[in-house]
């Protein structure tokens, strides 16, 4: 059986997407929940996706749904994050 990949290494893809793409450079990570649904195996290809689900105007916070899928489309990690986007 192939070796598994550490879960938090896989979860780091989520923070990469949040910091590099949406909302982008300068984003402050406030919190994250993670649910590890199944193991990630060496050689798997992962895709991380983030979707803004709510915007708090007064605090300038965003609630974000986070999902990582493997090459077969199976959810391996899901959760929610709260981030503060950079000032415009």
N, C-alpha and C. Protein backbone atom coordinates (compact mmCIF):
# COMPACT_ATOMS: atom_id res chain seq x y z
N UNK A 1 0.86 -1.19 0.00
CA UNK A 1 0.00 0.00 0.00
C UNK A 1 0.90 1.24 0.00
N UNK A 2 0.57 2.25 -0.83
CA UNK A 2 1.37 3.49 -0.85
C UNK A 2 1.34 4.19 0.50
N UNK A 3 2.38 4.94 0.76
CA UNK A 3 2.48 5.71 2.01
C UNK A 3 1.49 6.87 1.99
N UNK A 4 1.03 7.25 3.18
CA UNK A 4 0.14 8.39 3.28
C UNK A 4 0.94 9.67 3.48
N UNK A 5 0.30 10.78 3.14
CA UNK A 5 0.91 12.11 3.26
C UNK A 5 0.37 12.75 4.54
N UNK A 6 1.20 13.46 5.32
CA UNK A 6 0.70 14.11 6.53
C UNK A 6 -0.47 15.06 6.21
N UNK A 7 -1.52 14.96 7.02
CA UNK A 7 -2.73 15.75 6.77
C UNK A 7 -2.48 17.25 6.75
N UNK A 8 -1.68 17.73 7.69
CA UNK A 8 -1.45 19.18 7.75
C UNK A 8 -0.64 19.68 6.55
N UNK A 9 0.19 18.84 5.98
CA UNK A 9 0.89 19.23 4.75
C UNK A 9 -0.13 19.45 3.64
N UNK A 10 -1.09 18.56 3.54
CA UNK A 10 -2.16 18.72 2.54
C UNK A 10 -2.99 19.97 2.81
N UNK A 11 -3.29 20.22 4.08
CA UNK A 11 -4.09 21.39 4.45
C UNK A 11 -3.37 22.69 4.13
N UNK A 12 -2.05 22.65 4.04
CA UNK A 12 -1.32 23.88 3.73
C UNK A 12 -1.66 24.40 2.33
N UNK A 13 -2.20 23.54 1.48
CA UNK A 13 -2.65 24.00 0.16
C UNK A 13 -3.76 25.04 0.29
N UNK A 14 -4.61 24.87 1.30
CA UNK A 14 -5.71 25.82 1.51
C UNK A 14 -5.16 27.20 1.83
N UNK A 15 -4.20 27.27 2.75
CA UNK A 15 -3.64 28.58 3.11
C UNK A 15 -2.91 29.19 1.92
N UNK A 16 -2.29 28.36 1.09
CA UNK A 16 -1.62 28.86 -0.10
C UNK A 16 -2.61 29.54 -1.04
N UNK A 17 -3.77 28.93 -1.24
CA UNK A 17 -4.79 29.52 -2.11
C UNK A 17 -5.29 30.84 -1.51
N UNK A 18 -5.55 30.85 -0.19
CA UNK A 18 -6.06 32.07 0.45
C UNK A 18 -5.05 33.21 0.40
N UNK A 19 -3.80 32.91 0.64
CA UNK A 19 -2.78 33.97 0.69
C UNK A 19 -2.34 34.40 -0.71
N UNK A 20 -2.28 33.47 -1.65
CA UNK A 20 -1.76 33.80 -2.98
C UNK A 20 -2.84 34.24 -3.98
N UNK A 21 -4.08 33.76 -3.82
CA UNK A 21 -5.07 34.01 -4.87
C UNK A 21 -6.35 34.69 -4.39
N UNK A 22 -7.00 34.17 -3.38
CA UNK A 22 -8.28 34.71 -2.95
C UNK A 22 -8.33 34.73 -1.44
N UNK A 23 -8.37 35.84 -0.81
CA UNK A 23 -8.40 37.18 -1.37
C UNK A 23 -7.05 37.71 -1.84
N UNK A 24 -5.93 37.08 -1.45
CA UNK A 24 -4.65 37.48 -2.02
C UNK A 24 -3.62 37.91 -0.99
N UNK A 25 -2.52 38.41 -1.51
CA UNK A 25 -1.38 38.81 -0.68
C UNK A 25 -1.79 39.84 0.36
N UNK A 26 -1.37 39.61 1.59
CA UNK A 26 -1.72 40.50 2.69
C UNK A 26 -2.91 40.01 3.51
N UNK A 27 -3.50 38.90 3.11
CA UNK A 27 -4.62 38.31 3.85
C UNK A 27 -4.15 37.84 5.22
N UNK A 28 -4.95 38.12 6.26
CA UNK A 28 -4.67 37.62 7.60
C UNK A 28 -5.58 36.44 7.87
N UNK A 29 -4.99 35.34 8.27
CA UNK A 29 -5.72 34.12 8.62
C UNK A 29 -6.19 34.25 10.06
N UNK A 30 -7.48 34.18 10.32
CA UNK A 30 -8.01 34.33 11.68
C UNK A 30 -8.37 32.99 12.31
N UNK A 31 -8.94 32.08 11.53
CA UNK A 31 -9.25 30.75 12.06
C UNK A 31 -9.50 29.78 10.91
N UNK A 32 -9.44 28.49 11.24
CA UNK A 32 -9.68 27.45 10.23
C UNK A 32 -10.17 26.19 10.94
N UNK A 33 -11.23 25.59 10.44
CA UNK A 33 -11.62 24.26 10.87
C UNK A 33 -11.30 23.31 9.73
N UNK A 34 -10.87 22.11 10.07
CA UNK A 34 -10.50 21.11 9.07
C UNK A 34 -11.13 19.78 9.44
N UNK A 35 -11.65 19.10 8.43
CA UNK A 35 -12.17 17.75 8.60
C UNK A 35 -11.43 16.87 7.59
N UNK A 36 -10.67 15.91 8.08
CA UNK A 36 -9.90 15.03 7.22
C UNK A 36 -10.77 13.83 6.89
N UNK A 37 -11.27 13.78 5.67
CA UNK A 37 -12.27 12.80 5.27
C UNK A 37 -11.69 11.45 4.88
N UNK A 38 -10.52 11.46 4.25
CA UNK A 38 -9.86 10.21 3.88
C UNK A 38 -8.39 10.47 3.67
N UNK A 39 -7.57 9.42 3.74
CA UNK A 39 -6.12 9.63 3.61
C UNK A 39 -5.73 10.11 2.22
N UNK A 40 -4.65 10.87 2.18
CA UNK A 40 -4.03 11.26 0.92
C UNK A 40 -2.80 10.37 0.77
N UNK A 41 -2.66 9.77 -0.40
CA UNK A 41 -1.56 8.84 -0.64
C UNK A 41 -0.48 9.50 -1.48
N UNK A 42 0.75 9.07 -1.27
CA UNK A 42 1.85 9.55 -2.11
C UNK A 42 1.47 9.35 -3.57
N UNK A 43 1.67 10.37 -4.38
CA UNK A 43 1.32 10.30 -5.79
C UNK A 43 -0.04 10.88 -6.12
N UNK A 44 -0.89 11.13 -5.11
CA UNK A 44 -2.18 11.76 -5.37
C UNK A 44 -1.97 13.20 -5.84
N UNK A 45 -2.88 13.68 -6.64
CA UNK A 45 -2.90 15.07 -7.08
C UNK A 45 -4.07 15.75 -6.38
N UNK A 46 -3.79 16.84 -5.66
CA UNK A 46 -4.83 17.53 -4.91
C UNK A 46 -5.16 18.87 -5.55
N UNK A 47 -6.42 19.24 -5.43
CA UNK A 47 -6.89 20.55 -5.86
C UNK A 47 -7.57 21.19 -4.66
N UNK A 48 -7.14 22.41 -4.31
CA UNK A 48 -7.75 23.16 -3.21
C UNK A 48 -8.65 24.22 -3.80
N UNK A 49 -9.84 24.36 -3.22
CA UNK A 49 -10.79 25.36 -3.69
C UNK A 49 -11.34 26.12 -2.49
N UNK A 50 -11.45 27.42 -2.61
CA UNK A 50 -12.03 28.25 -1.56
C UNK A 50 -13.19 29.04 -2.16
N UNK A 51 -14.24 29.18 -1.37
CA UNK A 51 -15.43 29.91 -1.80
C UNK A 51 -15.87 30.83 -0.68
N UNK A 52 -15.97 32.13 -0.96
CA UNK A 52 -16.44 33.08 0.04
C UNK A 52 -17.93 32.83 0.25
N UNK A 53 -18.31 32.60 1.52
CA UNK A 53 -19.71 32.31 1.84
C UNK A 53 -20.40 33.46 2.57
N UNK A 54 -19.60 34.36 3.17
CA UNK A 54 -20.20 35.47 3.90
C UNK A 54 -19.15 36.57 4.06
N UNK A 55 -19.63 37.82 4.02
CA UNK A 55 -18.74 38.97 4.22
C UNK A 55 -19.29 39.80 5.37
N UNK A 56 -18.44 40.08 6.36
CA UNK A 56 -18.82 40.89 7.52
C UNK A 56 -18.27 42.30 7.31
N UNK A 57 -19.11 43.20 6.87
CA UNK A 57 -18.69 44.56 6.50
C UNK A 57 -18.02 45.30 7.67
N UNK A 58 -18.62 45.20 8.86
CA UNK A 58 -18.11 45.97 10.00
C UNK A 58 -16.70 45.53 10.43
N UNK A 59 -16.44 44.25 10.39
CA UNK A 59 -15.15 43.74 10.85
C UNK A 59 -14.18 43.47 9.70
N UNK A 60 -14.66 43.57 8.46
CA UNK A 60 -13.85 43.27 7.28
C UNK A 60 -13.35 41.83 7.30
N UNK A 61 -14.20 40.90 7.76
CA UNK A 61 -13.88 39.48 7.76
C UNK A 61 -14.65 38.78 6.66
N UNK A 62 -14.07 37.70 6.15
CA UNK A 62 -14.75 36.84 5.20
C UNK A 62 -14.83 35.44 5.78
N UNK A 63 -15.99 34.80 5.65
CA UNK A 63 -16.11 33.37 5.91
C UNK A 63 -15.89 32.65 4.59
N UNK A 64 -15.09 31.61 4.62
CA UNK A 64 -14.70 30.93 3.39
C UNK A 64 -14.85 29.43 3.56
N UNK A 65 -15.55 28.80 2.63
CA UNK A 65 -15.65 27.34 2.60
C UNK A 65 -14.37 26.82 1.93
N UNK A 66 -13.76 25.79 2.50
CA UNK A 66 -12.51 25.25 1.97
C UNK A 66 -12.66 23.77 1.68
N UNK A 67 -12.16 23.34 0.52
CA UNK A 67 -12.26 21.93 0.12
C UNK A 67 -11.00 21.54 -0.65
N UNK A 68 -10.48 20.35 -0.32
CA UNK A 68 -9.41 19.73 -1.11
C UNK A 68 -9.94 18.41 -1.66
N UNK A 69 -9.74 18.21 -2.95
CA UNK A 69 -10.16 16.97 -3.61
C UNK A 69 -8.95 16.28 -4.22
N UNK A 70 -9.03 14.96 -4.30
CA UNK A 70 -7.97 14.22 -4.98
C UNK A 70 -8.28 14.12 -6.47
N UNK A 71 -7.42 13.44 -7.19
CA UNK A 71 -7.55 13.35 -8.65
C UNK A 71 -8.81 12.60 -9.09
N UNK A 72 -9.45 11.87 -8.20
CA UNK A 72 -10.70 11.17 -8.53
C UNK A 72 -11.93 12.01 -8.18
N UNK A 73 -11.68 13.23 -7.62
CA UNK A 73 -12.79 14.10 -7.25
C UNK A 73 -13.32 13.86 -5.85
N UNK A 74 -12.69 12.95 -5.10
CA UNK A 74 -13.11 12.66 -3.73
C UNK A 74 -12.65 13.78 -2.80
N UNK A 75 -13.53 14.20 -1.89
CA UNK A 75 -13.15 15.19 -0.89
C UNK A 75 -12.25 14.51 0.13
N UNK A 76 -11.04 15.06 0.30
CA UNK A 76 -10.12 14.52 1.30
C UNK A 76 -10.05 15.43 2.53
N UNK A 77 -10.28 16.73 2.34
CA UNK A 77 -10.31 17.69 3.44
C UNK A 77 -11.40 18.71 3.13
N UNK A 78 -12.18 19.06 4.15
CA UNK A 78 -13.09 20.19 4.00
C UNK A 78 -13.16 20.94 5.32
N UNK A 79 -13.70 22.15 5.26
CA UNK A 79 -13.80 22.96 6.46
C UNK A 79 -14.20 24.38 6.12
N UNK A 80 -13.93 25.26 7.08
CA UNK A 80 -14.23 26.68 6.91
C UNK A 80 -13.10 27.51 7.48
N UNK A 81 -12.88 28.66 6.87
CA UNK A 81 -11.87 29.60 7.37
C UNK A 81 -12.51 30.96 7.56
N UNK A 82 -11.90 31.74 8.44
CA UNK A 82 -12.26 33.15 8.60
C UNK A 82 -10.97 33.92 8.33
N UNK A 83 -11.04 34.83 7.37
CA UNK A 83 -9.86 35.60 6.99
C UNK A 83 -10.21 37.09 6.93
N UNK A 84 -9.17 37.91 7.02
CA UNK A 84 -9.32 39.34 6.84
C UNK A 84 -8.55 39.70 5.58
N UNK A 85 -9.26 40.12 4.53
CA UNK A 85 -8.57 40.44 3.28
C UNK A 85 -7.73 41.71 3.44
N UNK A 86 -6.77 41.89 2.53
CA UNK A 86 -5.95 43.10 2.59
C UNK A 86 -6.80 44.33 2.30
N UNK A 87 -6.36 45.46 2.82
CA UNK A 87 -7.04 46.71 2.55
C UNK A 87 -6.90 47.06 1.08
N UNK A 88 -7.96 47.59 0.50
CA UNK A 88 -7.94 47.94 -0.92
C UNK A 88 -7.25 49.27 -1.13
